[in-house]
PDB file of N, CA and C in Angstrom:
ATOM      1  N   MET A   1      51.825  14.424  -7.734  1.00  0.00           N
ATOM      2  CA  MET A   1      51.489  15.586  -8.504  1.00  0.00           C
ATOM      3  C   MET A   1      50.240  16.222  -7.931  1.00  0.00           C
ATOM      4  N   SER A   2      50.228  17.477  -7.721  1.00  0.00           N
ATOM      5  CA  SER A   2      49.119  18.193  -7.129  1.00  0.00           C
ATOM      6  C   SER A   2      48.119  18.600  -8.205  1.00  0.00           C
ATOM      7  N   SER A   3      46.820  18.541  -7.850  1.00  0.00           N
ATOM      8  CA  SER A   3      45.799  18.903  -8.820  1.00  0.00           C
ATOM      9  C   SER A   3      45.617  20.402  -8.905  1.00  0.00           C
ATOM     10  N   GLY A   4      46.114  21.131  -7.919  1.00  0.00           N
ATOM     11  CA  GLY A   4      46.003  22.575  -7.950  1.00  0.00           C
ATOM     12  C   GLY A   4      44.771  23.106  -7.249  1.00  0.00           C
ATOM     13  N   PHE A   5      43.945  22.226  -6.733  1.00  0.00           N
ATOM     14  CA  PHE A   5      42.725  22.675  -6.059  1.00  0.00           C
ATOM     15  C   PHE A   5      42.891  22.705  -4.543  1.00  0.00           C
ATOM     16  N   GLY A   6      43.864  22.042  -3.995  1.00  0.00           N
ATOM     17  CA  GLY A   6      44.153  22.066  -2.569  1.00  0.00           C
ATOM     18  C   GLY A   6      43.010  21.547  -1.728  1.00  0.00           C
ATOM     19  N   ALA A   7      42.676  22.307  -0.698  1.00  0.00           N
ATOM     20  CA  ALA A   7      41.624  21.909   0.247  1.00  0.00           C
ATOM     21  C   ALA A   7      40.274  21.823  -0.438  1.00  0.00           C
ATOM     22  N   MET A   8      40.046  22.667  -1.433  1.00  0.00           N
ATOM     23  CA  MET A   8      38.774  22.658  -2.151  1.00  0.00           C
ATOM     24  C   MET A   8      38.551  21.316  -2.846  1.00  0.00           C
ATOM     25  N   GLY A   9      39.590  20.757  -3.409  1.00  0.00           N
ATOM     26  CA  GLY A   9      39.488  19.460  -4.075  1.00  0.00           C
ATOM     27  C   GLY A   9      39.173  18.349  -3.100  1.00  0.00           C
ATOM     28  N   ALA A  10      39.741  18.399  -1.903  1.00  0.00           N
ATOM     29  CA  ALA A  10      39.483  17.381  -0.877  1.00  0.00           C
ATOM     30  C   ALA A  10      38.032  17.466  -0.402  1.00  0.00           C
ATOM     31  N   VAL A  11      37.544  18.690  -0.187  1.00  0.00           N
ATOM     32  CA  VAL A  11      36.156  18.868   0.246  1.00  0.00           C
ATOM     33  C   VAL A  11      35.203  18.355  -0.828  1.00  0.00           C
ATOM     34  N   PHE A  12      35.486  18.691  -2.073  1.00  0.00           N
ATOM     35  CA  PHE A  12      34.649  18.214  -3.168  1.00  0.00           C
ATOM     36  C   PHE A  12      34.644  16.693  -3.217  1.00  0.00           C
ATOM     37  N   GLY A  13      35.788  16.079  -3.027  1.00  0.00           N
ATOM     38  CA  GLY A  13      35.890  14.618  -3.049  1.00  0.00           C
ATOM     39  C   GLY A  13      35.042  13.986  -1.956  1.00  0.00           C
ATOM     40  N   VAL A  14      35.102  14.556  -0.743  1.00  0.00           N
ATOM     41  CA  VAL A  14      34.320  14.023   0.365  1.00  0.00           C
ATOM     42  C   VAL A  14      32.820  14.187   0.083  1.00  0.00           C
ATOM     43  N   ILE A  15      32.434  15.366  -0.382  1.00  0.00           N
ATOM     44  CA  ILE A  15      31.020  15.614  -0.698  1.00  0.00           C
ATOM     45  C   ILE A  15      30.547  14.675  -1.798  1.00  0.00           C
ATOM     46  N   PHE A  16      31.362  14.466  -2.806  1.00  0.00           N
ATOM     47  CA  PHE A  16      31.008  13.570  -3.910  1.00  0.00           C
ATOM     48  C   PHE A  16      30.779  12.155  -3.396  1.00  0.00           C
ATOM     49  N   VAL A  17      31.657  11.674  -2.522  1.00  0.00           N
ATOM     50  CA  VAL A  17      31.517  10.325  -1.968  1.00  0.00           C
ATOM     51  C   VAL A  17      30.248  10.231  -1.116  1.00  0.00           C
ATOM     52  N   LEU A  18      29.978  11.237  -0.277  1.00  0.00           N
ATOM     53  CA  LEU A  18      28.789  11.217   0.572  1.00  0.00           C
ATOM     54  C   LEU A  18      27.505  11.227  -0.255  1.00  0.00           C
ATOM     55  N   VAL A  19      27.454  12.053  -1.281  1.00  0.00           N
ATOM     56  CA  VAL A  19      26.263  12.108  -2.134  1.00  0.00           C
ATOM     57  C   VAL A  19      26.083  10.776  -2.862  1.00  0.00           C
ATOM     58  N   THR A  20      27.146  10.207  -3.341  1.00  0.00           N
ATOM     59  CA  THR A  20      27.079   8.913  -4.025  1.00  0.00           C
ATOM     60  C   THR A  20      26.566   7.832  -3.077  1.00  0.00           C
ATOM     61  N   LEU A  21      27.078   7.794  -1.850  1.00  0.00           N
ATOM     62  CA  LEU A  21      26.616   6.811  -0.867  1.00  0.00           C
ATOM     63  C   LEU A  21      25.133   7.020  -0.536  1.00  0.00           C
ATOM     64  N   PHE A  22      24.704   8.262  -0.434  1.00  0.00           N
ATOM     65  CA  PHE A  22      23.299   8.561  -0.161  1.00  0.00           C
ATOM     66  C   PHE A  22      22.409   8.045  -1.284  1.00  0.00           C
ATOM     67  N   ILE A  23      22.790   8.293  -2.511  1.00  0.00           N
ATOM     68  CA  ILE A  23      22.005   7.845  -3.665  1.00  0.00           C
ATOM     69  C   ILE A  23      21.929   6.318  -3.703  1.00  0.00           C
ATOM     70  N   VAL A  24      23.037   5.665  -3.444  1.00  0.00           N
ATOM     71  CA  VAL A  24      23.054   4.196  -3.431  1.00  0.00           C
ATOM     72  C   VAL A  24      22.163   3.681  -2.306  1.00  0.00           C
ATOM     73  N   ALA A  25      22.219   4.297  -1.117  1.00  0.00           N
ATOM     74  CA  ALA A  25      21.392   3.866   0.016  1.00  0.00           C
ATOM     75  C   ALA A  25      19.908   4.021  -0.307  1.00  0.00           C
ATOM     76  N   VAL A  26      19.525   5.124  -0.914  1.00  0.00           N
ATOM     77  CA  VAL A  26      18.123   5.338  -1.287  1.00  0.00           C
ATOM     78  C   VAL A  26      17.683   4.292  -2.300  1.00  0.00           C
ATOM     79  N   PHE A  27      18.518   3.994  -3.256  1.00  0.00           N
ATOM     80  CA  PHE A  27      18.202   2.981  -4.264  1.00  0.00           C
ATOM     81  C   PHE A  27      18.010   1.614  -3.608  1.00  0.00           C
ATOM     82  N   VAL A  28      18.894   1.242  -2.694  1.00  0.00           N
ATOM     83  CA  VAL A  28      18.790  -0.056  -2.014  1.00  0.00           C
ATOM     84  C   VAL A  28      17.503  -0.118  -1.190  1.00  0.00           C
ATOM     85  N   ILE A  29      17.188   0.960  -0.477  1.00  0.00           N
ATOM     86  CA  ILE A  29      15.959   0.991   0.320  1.00  0.00           C
ATOM     87  C   ILE A  29      14.734   0.841  -0.570  1.00  0.00           C
ATOM     88  N   MET A  30      14.722   1.500  -1.720  1.00  0.00           N
ATOM     89  CA  MET A  30      13.589   1.400  -2.638  1.00  0.00           C
ATOM     90  C   MET A  30      13.430  -0.022  -3.163  1.00  0.00           C
ATOM     91  N   VAL A  31      14.518  -0.668  -3.509  1.00  0.00           N
ATOM     92  CA  VAL A  31      14.454  -2.035  -4.021  1.00  0.00           C
ATOM     93  C   VAL A  31      13.941  -2.983  -2.935  1.00  0.00           C
ATOM     94  N   VAL A  32      14.452  -2.838  -1.719  1.00  0.00           N
ATOM     95  CA  VAL A  32      14.000  -3.684  -0.613  1.00  0.00           C
ATOM     96  C   VAL A  32      12.504  -3.474  -0.365  1.00  0.00           C
ATOM     97  N   ALA A  33      12.049  -2.232  -0.375  1.00  0.00           N
ATOM     98  CA  ALA A  33      10.628  -1.942  -0.151  1.00  0.00           C
ATOM     99  C   ALA A  33       9.766  -2.560  -1.245  1.00  0.00           C
ATOM    100  N   LEU A  34      10.202  -2.462  -2.491  1.00  0.00           N
ATOM    101  CA  LEU A  34       9.431  -3.047  -3.596  1.00  0.00           C
ATOM    102  C   LEU A  34       9.351  -4.565  -3.485  1.00  0.00           C
ATOM    103  N   VAL A  35      10.443  -5.192  -3.099  1.00  0.00           N
ATOM    104  CA  VAL A  35      10.450  -6.647  -2.951  1.00  0.00           C
ATOM    105  C   VAL A  35       9.506  -7.062  -1.825  1.00  0.00           C
ATOM    106  N   LYS A  36       9.556  -6.355  -0.688  1.00  0.00           N
ATOM    107  CA  LYS A  36       8.680  -6.689   0.435  1.00  0.00           C
ATOM    108  C   LYS A  36       7.209  -6.469   0.079  1.00  0.00           C
ATOM    109  N   ARG A  37       6.897  -5.376  -0.615  1.00  0.00           N
ATOM    110  CA  ARG A  37       5.521  -5.118  -1.033  1.00  0.00           C
ATOM    111  C   ARG A  37       5.047  -6.209  -2.001  1.00  0.00           C
ATOM    112  N   GLY A  38       5.911  -6.610  -2.912  1.00  0.00           N
ATOM    113  CA  GLY A  38       5.557  -7.654  -3.864  1.00  0.00           C
ATOM    114  C   GLY A  38       5.240  -8.967  -3.166  1.00  0.00           C
ATOM    115  N   ARG A  39       6.049  -9.324  -2.170  1.00  0.00           N
ATOM    116  CA  ARG A  39       5.793 -10.555  -1.411  1.00  0.00           C
ATOM    117  C   ARG A  39       4.469 -10.469  -0.668  1.00  0.00           C
ATOM    118  N   ALA A  40       4.220  -9.333  -0.025  1.00  0.00           N
ATOM    119  CA  ALA A  40       2.980  -9.172   0.741  1.00  0.00           C
ATOM    120  C   ALA A  40       1.762  -9.264  -0.170  1.00  0.00           C
ATOM    121  N   VAL A  41       1.838  -8.661  -1.335  1.00  0.00           N
ATOM    122  CA  VAL A  41       0.712  -8.694  -2.276  1.00  0.00           C
ATOM    123  C   VAL A  41       0.475 -10.120  -2.763  1.00  0.00           C
ATOM    124  N   ARG A  42       1.561 -10.836  -3.097  1.00  0.00           N
ATOM    125  CA  ARG A  42       1.419 -12.219  -3.547  1.00  0.00           C
ATOM    126  C   ARG A  42       0.845 -13.104  -2.446  1.00  0.00           C
ATOM    127  N   GLU A  43       1.231 -12.864  -1.192  1.00  0.00           N
ATOM    128  CA  GLU A  43       0.704 -13.655  -0.077  1.00  0.00           C
ATOM    129  C   GLU A  43      -0.799 -13.460   0.076  1.00  0.00           C
ATOM    130  N   GLU A  44      -1.306 -12.312  -0.336  1.00  0.00           N
ATOM    131  CA  GLU A  44      -2.744 -12.041  -0.281  1.00  0.00           C
ATOM    132  C   GLU A  44      -3.470 -12.555  -1.530  1.00  0.00           C
ATOM    133  N   GLY A  45      -2.722 -13.157  -2.443  1.00  0.00           N
ATOM    134  CA  GLY A  45      -3.332 -13.730  -3.633  1.00  0.00           C
ATOM    135  C   GLY A  45      -3.596 -12.734  -4.745  1.00  0.00           C
ATOM    136  N   LEU A  46      -2.884 -11.612  -4.727  1.00  0.00           N
ATOM    137  CA  LEU A  46      -3.073 -10.590  -5.752  1.00  0.00           C
ATOM    138  C   LEU A  46      -1.847 -10.522  -6.653  1.00  0.00           C
ATOM    139  N   ASP A  47      -2.052 -10.014  -7.845  1.00  0.00           N
ATOM    140  CA  ASP A  47      -0.955  -9.788  -8.781  1.00  0.00           C
ATOM    141  C   ASP A  47      -0.237  -8.505  -8.355  1.00  0.00           C
ATOM    142  N   PRO A  48       1.080  -8.551  -8.142  1.00  0.00           N
ATOM    143  CA  PRO A  48       1.795  -7.356  -7.683  1.00  0.00           C
ATOM    144  C   PRO A  48       1.665  -6.150  -8.615  1.00  0.00           C
ATOM    145  N   LEU A  49       1.452  -6.391  -9.895  1.00  0.00           N
ATOM    146  CA  LEU A  49       1.363  -5.275 -10.835  1.00  0.00           C
ATOM    147  C   LEU A  49      -0.045  -4.710 -10.959  1.00  0.00           C
ATOM    148  N   THR A  50      -1.058  -5.500 -10.597  1.00  0.00           N
ATOM    149  CA  THR A  50      -2.437  -5.041 -10.764  1.00  0.00           C
ATOM    150  C   THR A  50      -3.279  -5.198  -9.502  1.00  0.00           C
ATOM    151  N   GLY A  51      -2.640  -5.353  -8.364  1.00  0.00           N
ATOM    152  CA  GLY A  51      -3.368  -5.579  -7.111  1.00  0.00           C
ATOM    153  C   GLY A  51      -4.345  -4.477  -6.780  1.00  0.00           C
ATOM    154  N   ASP A  52      -3.968  -3.236  -7.030  1.00  0.00           N
ATOM    155  CA  ASP A  52      -4.873  -2.126  -6.717  1.00  0.00           C
ATOM    156  C   ASP A  52      -6.141  -2.193  -7.568  1.00  0.00           C
ATOM    157  N   ILE A  53      -6.002  -2.577  -8.826  1.00  0.00           N
ATOM    158  CA  ILE A  53      -7.160  -2.706  -9.712  1.00  0.00           C
ATOM    159  C   ILE A  53      -8.031  -3.878  -9.270  1.00  0.00           C
ATOM    160  N   GLN A  54      -7.402  -4.979  -8.859  1.00  0.00           N
ATOM    161  CA  GLN A  54      -8.165  -6.127  -8.384  1.00  0.00           C
ATOM    162  C   GLN A  54      -8.979  -5.751  -7.145  1.00  0.00           C
ATOM    163  N   LEU A  55      -8.377  -5.023  -6.226  1.00  0.00           N
ATOM    164  CA  LEU A  55      -9.100  -4.610  -5.023  1.00  0.00           C
ATOM    165  C   LEU A  55     -10.236  -3.652  -5.354  1.00  0.00           C
ATOM    166  N   ALA A  56      -9.998  -2.735  -6.288  1.00  0.00           N
ATOM    167  CA  ALA A  56     -11.055  -1.800  -6.696  1.00  0.00           C
ATOM    168  C   ALA A  56     -12.211  -2.572  -7.330  1.00  0.00           C
ATOM    169  N   GLY A  57     -11.912  -3.566  -8.146  1.00  0.00           N
ATOM    170  CA  GLY A  57     -12.956  -4.387  -8.758  1.00  0.00           C
ATOM    171  C   GLY A  57     -13.737  -5.171  -7.726  1.00  0.00           C
ATOM    172  N   GLN A  58     -13.043  -5.708  -6.739  1.00  0.00           N
ATOM    173  CA  GLN A  58     -13.714  -6.456  -5.672  1.00  0.00           C
ATOM    174  C   GLN A  58     -14.643  -5.535  -4.895  1.00  0.00           C
ATOM    175  N   LEU A  59     -14.203  -4.344  -4.605  1.00  0.00           N
ATOM    176  CA  LEU A  59     -15.045  -3.391  -3.894  1.00  0.00           C
ATOM    177  C   LEU A  59     -16.242  -2.983  -4.749  1.00  0.00           C
ATOM    178  N   HIS A  60     -16.017  -2.799  -6.050  1.00  0.00           N
ATOM    179  CA  HIS A  60     -17.100  -2.406  -6.958  1.00  0.00           C
ATOM    180  C   HIS A  60     -18.175  -3.494  -7.046  1.00  0.00           C
ATOM    181  N   ARG A  61     -17.751  -4.758  -7.058  1.00  0.00           N
ATOM    182  CA  ARG A  61     -18.695  -5.871  -7.136  1.00  0.00           C
ATOM    183  C   ARG A  61     -19.370  -6.161  -5.798  1.00  0.00           C
ATOM    184  N   SER A  62     -18.855  -5.565  -4.735  1.00  0.00           N
ATOM    185  CA  SER A  62     -19.368  -5.810  -3.397  1.00  0.00           C
ATOM    186  C   SER A  62     -20.823  -5.384  -3.293  1.00  0.00           C
ATOM    187  N   GLN A  63     -21.592  -6.134  -2.536  1.00  0.00           N
ATOM    188  CA  GLN A  63     -22.986  -5.792  -2.309  1.00  0.00           C
ATOM    189  C   GLN A  63     -23.135  -4.567  -1.432  1.00  0.00           C
ATOM    190  N   LEU A  64     -22.060  -4.165  -0.769  1.00  0.00           N
ATOM    191  CA  LEU A  64     -22.111  -2.944   0.035  1.00  0.00           C
ATOM    192  C   LEU A  64     -22.348  -1.723  -0.835  1.00  0.00           C
ATOM    193  N   MET A  65     -21.979  -1.823  -2.111  1.00  0.00           N
ATOM    194  CA  MET A  65     -22.163  -0.708  -3.036  1.00  0.00           C
ATOM    195  C   MET A  65     -23.541  -0.756  -3.702  1.00  0.00           C
ATOM    196  N   ALA A  66     -24.309  -1.825  -3.459  1.00  0.00           N
ATOM    197  CA  ALA A  66     -25.628  -1.978  -4.071  1.00  0.00           C
ATOM    198  C   ALA A  66     -26.632  -1.037  -3.399  1.00  0.00           C
ATOM    199  N   PRO A  67     -27.708  -0.721  -4.088  1.00  0.00           N
ATOM    200  CA  PRO A  67     -28.747   0.117  -3.483  1.00  0.00           C
ATOM    201  C   PRO A  67     -29.331  -0.534  -2.227  1.00  0.00           C
ATOM    202  N   ALA A  68     -29.869   0.296  -1.348  1.00  0.00           N
ATOM    203  CA  ALA A  68     -30.393  -0.190  -0.070  1.00  0.00           C
ATOM    204  C   ALA A  68     -31.563  -1.164  -0.253  1.00  0.00           C
ATOM    205  N   THR A  69     -32.247  -1.122  -1.385  1.00  0.00           N
ATOM    206  CA  THR A  69     -33.394  -2.007  -1.612  1.00  0.00           C
ATOM    207  C   THR A  69     -32.975  -3.459  -1.775  1.00  0.00           C
ATOM    208  N   ALA A  70     -31.735  -3.705  -2.081  1.00  0.00           N
ATOM    209  CA  ALA A  70     -31.257  -5.070  -2.309  1.00  0.00           C
ATOM    210  C   ALA A  70     -30.485  -5.579  -1.087  1.00  0.00           C
ATOM    211  N   GLN A  71     -30.974  -5.302   0.114  1.00  0.00           N
ATOM    212  CA  GLN A  71     -30.270  -5.688   1.334  1.00  0.00           C
ATOM    213  C   GLN A  71     -30.285  -7.199   1.533  1.00  0.00           C
ATOM    214  N   ARG A  72     -29.161  -7.697   1.969  1.00  0.00           N
ATOM    215  CA  ARG A  72     -29.022  -9.108   2.310  1.00  0.00           C
ATOM    216  C   ARG A  72     -29.052  -9.239   3.828  1.00  0.00           C
ATOM    217  N   PRO A  73     -29.071 -10.447   4.340  1.00  0.00           N
ATOM    218  CA  PRO A  73     -29.085 -10.638   5.799  1.00  0.00           C
ATOM    219  C   PRO A  73     -27.862  -9.978   6.460  1.00  0.00           C
ATOM    220  N   VAL A  74     -28.071  -9.463   7.670  1.00  0.00           N
ATOM    221  CA  VAL A  74     -27.019  -8.733   8.392  1.00  0.00           C
ATOM    222  C   VAL A  74     -25.750  -9.571   8.574  1.00  0.00           C
ATOM    223  N   PRO A  75     -25.827 -10.834   9.002  1.00  0.00           N
ATOM    224  CA  PRO A  75     -24.587 -11.602   9.177  1.00  0.00           C
ATOM    225  C   PRO A  75     -23.784 -11.722   7.874  1.00  0.00           C
ATOM    226  N   GLU A  76     -24.474 -11.867   6.767  1.00  0.00           N
ATOM    227  CA  GLU A  76     -23.795 -11.959   5.466  1.00  0.00           C
ATOM    228  C   GLU A  76     -23.103 -10.645   5.126  1.00  0.00           C
ATOM    229  N   ARG A  77     -23.783  -9.528   5.369  1.00  0.00           N
ATOM    230  CA  ARG A  77     -23.197  -8.212   5.087  1.00  0.00           C
ATOM    231  C   ARG A  77     -22.001  -7.942   5.992  1.00  0.00           C
ATOM    232  N   LEU A  78     -22.093  -8.319   7.283  1.00  0.00           N
ATOM    233  CA  LEU A  78     -20.976  -8.133   8.207  1.00  0.00           C
ATOM    234  C   LEU A  78     -19.781  -8.988   7.798  1.00  0.00           C
ATOM    235  N   ALA A  79     -20.046 -10.217   7.347  1.00  0.00           N
ATOM    236  CA  ALA A  79     -18.970 -11.097   6.898  1.00  0.00           C
ATOM    237  C   ALA A  79     -18.261 -10.505   5.683  1.00  0.00           C
ATOM    238  N   GLU A  80     -19.042  -9.890   4.793  1.00  0.00           N
ATOM    239  CA  GLU A  80     -18.426  -9.281   3.613  1.00  0.00           C
ATOM    240  C   GLU A  80     -17.542  -8.104   3.998  1.00  0.00           C
ATOM    241  N   VAL A  81     -18.000  -7.288   4.950  1.00  0.00           N
ATOM    242  CA  VAL A  81     -17.196  -6.150   5.407  1.00  0.00           C
ATOM    243  C   VAL A  81     -15.896  -6.662   6.027  1.00  0.00           C
ATOM    244  N   ASP A  82     -15.987  -7.739   6.806  1.00  0.00           N
ATOM    245  CA  ASP A  82     -14.781  -8.314   7.410  1.00  0.00           C
ATOM    246  C   ASP A  82     -13.818  -8.822   6.343  1.00  0.00           C
ATOM    247  N   GLU A  83     -14.362  -9.429   5.291  1.00  0.00           N
ATOM    248  CA  GLU A  83     -13.521  -9.938   4.192  1.00  0.00           C
ATOM    249  C   GLU A  83     -12.842  -8.787   3.455  1.00  0.00           C
ATOM    250  N   LEU A  84     -13.564  -7.702   3.231  1.00  0.00           N
ATOM    251  CA  LEU A  84     -12.969  -6.547   2.557  1.00  0.00           C
ATOM    252  C   LEU A  84     -11.830  -5.969   3.379  1.00  0.00           C
ATOM    253  N   LEU A  85     -11.966  -5.955   4.697  1.00  0.00           N
ATOM    254  CA  LEU A  85     -10.886  -5.477   5.552  1.00  0.00           C
ATOM    255  C   LEU A  85      -9.697  -6.426   5.487  1.00  0.00           C
ATOM    256  N   ARG A  86      -9.978  -7.726   5.527  1.00  0.00           N
ATOM    257  CA  ARG A  86      -8.908  -8.719   5.501  1.00  0.00           C
ATOM    258  C   ARG A  86      -8.080  -8.625   4.219  1.00  0.00           C
ATOM    259  N   THR A  87      -8.742  -8.398   3.099  1.00  0.00           N
ATOM    260  CA  THR A  87      -8.022  -8.316   1.827  1.00  0.00           C
ATOM    261  C   THR A  87      -7.405  -6.953   1.583  1.00  0.00           C
ATOM    262  N   GLY A  88      -7.710  -5.974   2.432  1.00  0.00           N
ATOM    263  CA  GLY A  88      -7.119  -4.652   2.276  1.00  0.00           C
ATOM    264  C   GLY A  88      -7.894  -3.736   1.357  1.00  0.00           C
ATOM    265  N   ALA A  89      -9.096  -4.142   0.957  1.00  0.00           N
ATOM    266  CA  ALA A  89      -9.897  -3.313   0.054  1.00  0.00           C
ATOM    267  C   ALA A  89     -10.422  -2.068   0.763  1.00  0.00           C
ATOM    268  N   ILE A  90     -10.578  -2.164   2.085  1.00  0.00           N
ATOM    269  CA  ILE A  90     -11.013  -1.007   2.866  1.00  0.00           C
ATOM    270  C   ILE A  90     -10.111  -0.872   4.084  1.00  0.00           C
ATOM    271  N   THR A  91     -10.063   0.324   4.643  1.00  0.00           N
ATOM    272  CA  THR A  91      -9.252   0.576   5.836  1.00  0.00           C
ATOM    273  C   THR A  91     -10.024   0.186   7.085  1.00  0.00           C
ATOM    274  N   ALA A  92      -9.331   0.187   8.212  1.00  0.00           N
ATOM    275  CA  ALA A  92      -9.982  -0.143   9.480  1.00  0.00           C
ATOM    276  C   ALA A  92     -11.076   0.871   9.811  1.00  0.00           C
ATOM    277  N   GLN A  93     -10.839   2.136   9.480  1.00  0.00           N
ATOM    278  CA  GLN A  93     -11.846   3.165   9.746  1.00  0.00           C
ATOM    279  C   GLN A  93     -13.087   2.939   8.873  1.00  0.00           C
ATOM    280  N   GLU A  94     -12.877   2.622   7.600  1.00  0.00           N
ATOM    281  CA  GLU A  94     -14.002   2.341   6.712  1.00  0.00           C
ATOM    282  C   GLU A  94     -14.755   1.094   7.180  1.00  0.00           C
ATOM    283  N   HIS A  95     -14.019   0.105   7.675  1.00  0.00           N
ATOM    284  CA  HIS A  95     -14.618  -1.121   8.192  1.00  0.00           C
ATOM    285  C   HIS A  95     -15.549  -0.802   9.354  1.00  0.00           C
ATOM    286  N   GLU A  96     -15.069  -0.029  10.303  1.00  0.00           N
ATOM    287  CA  GLU A  96     -15.893   0.325  11.461  1.00  0.00           C
ATOM    288  C   GLU A  96     -17.123   1.131  11.040  1.00  0.00           C
ATOM    289  N   ALA A  97     -16.946   2.059  10.091  1.00  0.00           N
ATOM    290  CA  ALA A  97     -18.072   2.873   9.623  1.00  0.00           C
ATOM    291  C   ALA A  97     -19.129   1.998   8.943  1.00  0.00           C
ATOM    292  N   GLN A  98     -18.696   1.051   8.113  1.00  0.00           N
ATOM    293  CA  GLN A  98     -19.640   0.163   7.429  1.00  0.00           C
ATOM    294  C   GLN A  98     -20.369  -0.735   8.422  1.00  0.00           C
ATOM    295  N   ARG A  99     -19.631  -1.277   9.404  1.00  0.00           N
ATOM    296  CA  ARG A  99     -20.276  -2.119  10.430  1.00  0.00           C
ATOM    297  C   ARG A  99     -21.334  -1.319  11.183  1.00  0.00           C
ATOM    298  N   ALA A 100     -20.991  -0.084  11.539  1.00  0.00           N
ATOM    299  CA  ALA A 100     -21.944   0.751  12.264  1.00  0.00           C
ATOM    300  C   ALA A 100     -23.191   1.023  11.409  1.00  0.00           C
ATOM    301  N   ARG A 101     -22.967   1.286  10.111  1.00  0.00           N
ATOM    302  CA  ARG A 101     -24.100   1.541   9.215  1.00  0.00           C
ATOM    303  C   ARG A 101     -24.990   0.315   9.077  1.00  0.00           C
ATOM    304  N   ILE A 102     -24.391  -0.863   8.953  1.00  0.00           N
ATOM    305  CA  ILE A 102     -25.155  -2.101   8.827  1.00  0.00           C
ATOM    306  C   ILE A 102     -25.953  -2.362  10.097  1.00  0.00           C
ATOM    307  N   LEU A 103     -25.309  -2.193  11.237  1.00  0.00           N
ATOM    308  CA  LEU A 103     -25.995  -2.444  12.506  1.00  0.00           C
ATOM    309  C   LEU A 103     -27.069  -1.403  12.790  1.00  0.00           C
ATOM    310  N   ALA A 104     -26.907  -0.183  12.274  1.00  0.00           N
ATOM    311  CA  ALA A 104     -27.911   0.855  12.461  1.00  0.00           C
ATOM    312  C   ALA A 104     -29.178   0.560  11.649  1.00  0.00           C
ATOM    313  N   ASP A 105     -29.045  -0.233  10.586  1.00  0.00           N
ATOM    314  CA  ASP A 105     -30.192  -0.581   9.750  1.00  0.00           C
ATOM    315  C   ASP A 105     -31.099  -1.619  10.399  1.00  0.00           C
ATOM    316  N   LEU A 106     -30.692  -2.193  11.517  1.00  0.00           N
ATOM    317  CA  LEU A 106     -31.503  -3.231  12.189  1.00  0.00           C
ATOM    318  C   LEU A 106     -32.815  -2.676  12.705  1.00  0.00           C
TER     319      LEU A 106
END
């Protein structure tokens, strides 16, 4: 029995299948990305749901944010900058800028 739409119905069917496959593929990619991010965050010892807040708190408590009058020894400050980079609290560019600032204070 013919639906009465002819070629138009076939084109619609193909487009419908392609759009459906695209949506499913995007959903699968999103789920895979979330799972991988969750594993990476847990491997760093952070809670996957609050890792960003934990990192912000660690940076806030950092002595790098303290006034210049409360300076600690240079090796200690450099070690802290390295730790912040390792945990992901700062980027590589921020790490280099902080190291340069610490070394310039010598």
